[in-house]
């Protein structure tokens, strides 16, 4: 395992340490192969090519160029959540937003389930854009892998990438507004 490789590399006993870089590289290759074979997709097991392929496959990033995808991958934190894990909590103060790469999240407000978010959907963008408290909670329905963005986009993204994020946020908000309008019209009909 990776922990065994690190432990051996840092051993206080010189005879227990790796004697050559090739020995360590061979053990690292075995540990990486084992990580890739773990069931499910975890952030720890993803290599750069997997991340690029995953991000390109998400509808949120559909219009992003390869250079912009590279910017996203460089700054995003890949977070794994187990079923039932609370990802964001209604009423919290946070400007972090997420894009789901795998799995589903249940959206609740005041303890009532109001929706589901899926692969390619973003959430937390309202707090990010407005600076207001979280308007709802999101809980992992199943295993969730999400890209987490902590830093304001203006601090790390190129101008074209910032424009792409703003357009993706606009599409998300318009789609959600249209859905709410449709729900309201069917209730009053």
Foldseek 3Di string as FASTA:
>chain_A
DVVVLVCQCPPPDPVSHDPDPVVSVVVVVVVLVVLCPDPDDAPVNDDPVNQLVLQCPAPLCVPPDSVLSVLLVVAWDKDKDAAFAWPDAFQAQALKKKAWSQAKKFKAAPNHTDDMDGHNDMPSNVCNVPRGTHRIIIGTRHIIIITMHRDNCVVRPDPVSVVSNVVSVVVNVVVVVVVVVVVVVVVVD
